[in-house]
Amino acid sequence: MTEGTPDISQMTFEQALRALEEVVKRLESGEVPLDDSINLYEQGEKLRQHCQARLDSAQARIEKIVAGADGKATGTTPFDADS
């Protein structure tokens, strides 16, 4: 990792998402030289993977928090069971 580049593994989901949006914006501008575009794309992929891992972790936590009408845990239900 180069100096000035944030440690992606330490970013919150929101920080990583904002950074990913900035990468996409810069790439879409068409004003970035080819070599820089490749580096940005690689950084964007790392940010995307980090965001996906954070979402997967949140989904797993939500699956564990299923309670019945009486407020007691009734087991786990997949997050997207109704879809």
Protein backbone atom coordinates (compact mmCIF):
# COMPACT_ATOMS: atom_id res chain seq x y z
CA MET A 1 0.00 0.00 0.00
CA THR A 2 1.35 3.41 -0.92
CA GLU A 3 1.48 6.39 1.39
CA GLY A 4 -1.76 8.36 1.37
CA THR A 5 -3.80 5.32 0.29
CA PRO A 6 -6.30 4.35 2.98
CA ASP A 7 -6.27 0.82 4.38
CA ILE A 8 -9.43 -0.62 2.85
CA SER A 9 -9.68 -3.35 5.49
CA GLN A 10 -10.11 -0.67 8.18
CA MET A 11 -12.87 1.23 6.33
CA THR A 12 -16.49 1.17 7.36
CA PHE A 13 -19.00 0.10 4.74
CA GLU A 14 -20.00 3.73 4.21
CA GLN A 15 -16.39 4.90 3.78
CA ALA A 16 -15.65 2.12 1.29
CA LEU A 17 -18.84 2.83 -0.65
CA ARG A 18 -18.00 6.54 -0.90
CA ALA A 19 -14.48 5.68 -2.06
CA LEU A 20 -15.88 3.24 -4.63
CA GLU A 21 -18.29 5.89 -5.90
CA GLU A 22 -15.35 8.29 -6.30
CA VAL A 23 -13.38 5.67 -8.25
CA VAL A 24 -16.34 5.08 -10.57
CA LYS A 25 -16.82 8.82 -11.05
CA ARG A 26 -13.16 9.29 -11.98
CA LEU A 27 -13.21 6.34 -14.38
CA GLU A 28 -16.42 7.52 -16.03
CA SER A 29 -14.98 11.01 -16.56
CA GLY A 30 -12.67 9.62 -19.23
CA GLU A 31 -9.97 12.06 -18.15
CA VAL A 32 -7.76 9.52 -16.39
CA PRO A 33 -4.69 8.16 -18.24
CA LEU A 34 -4.78 4.44 -19.09
CA ASP A 35 -2.27 3.31 -16.43
CA ASP A 36 -4.09 5.31 -13.76
CA SER A 37 -7.39 3.84 -14.96
CA ILE A 38 -6.06 0.32 -14.46
CA ASN A 39 -4.89 1.19 -10.95
CA LEU A 40 -8.24 2.80 -10.17
CA TYR A 41 -10.07 -0.26 -11.48
CA GLU A 42 -7.98 -2.52 -9.22
CA GLN A 43 -8.69 -0.26 -6.23
CA GLY A 44 -12.38 -0.23 -7.12
CA GLU A 45 -12.48 -4.03 -7.21
CA LYS A 46 -10.88 -4.21 -3.75
CA LEU A 47 -13.41 -1.69 -2.45
CA ARG A 48 -16.28 -3.67 -4.02
CA GLN A 49 -15.06 -6.88 -2.39
CA HIS A 50 -14.78 -5.13 0.98
CA CYS A 51 -18.32 -3.75 0.67
CA GLN A 52 -19.66 -7.18 -0.30
CA ALA A 53 -17.92 -8.81 2.67
CA ARG A 54 -19.43 -6.21 5.02
CA LEU A 55 -22.90 -6.79 3.54
CA ASP A 56 -22.50 -10.57 3.83
CA SER A 57 -21.47 -10.18 7.47
CA ALA A 58 -24.46 -7.94 8.20
CA GLN A 59 -26.79 -10.44 6.52
CA ALA A 60 -25.42 -13.27 8.65
CA ARG A 61 -26.00 -11.21 11.80
CA ILE A 62 -29.56 -10.39 10.76
CA GLU A 63 -30.30 -14.07 10.15
CA LYS A 64 -29.42 -14.71 13.79
CA ILE A 65 -31.82 -12.05 15.09
CA VAL A 66 -35.22 -13.61 14.48
CA ALA A 67 -37.72 -13.41 17.31
CA GLY A 68 -41.28 -14.65 17.75
CA ALA A 69 -44.28 -12.59 18.85
CA ASP A 70 -43.34 -13.17 22.48
CA GLY A 71 -39.92 -11.61 21.87
CA LYS A 72 -38.05 -14.86 22.32
CA ALA A 73 -35.73 -16.15 19.63
CA THR A 74 -37.40 -18.65 17.33
CA GLY A 75 -34.34 -19.64 15.34
CA THR A 76 -32.78 -18.27 12.21
CA THR A 77 -34.42 -17.27 8.98
CA PRO A 78 -32.52 -16.37 5.82
CA PHE A 79 -32.43 -12.62 5.28
CA ASP A 80 -33.98 -12.87 1.81
CA ALA A 81 -36.49 -15.66 2.55
CA ASP A 82 -39.46 -13.56 1.39
CA SER A 83 -37.93 -12.64 -1.98
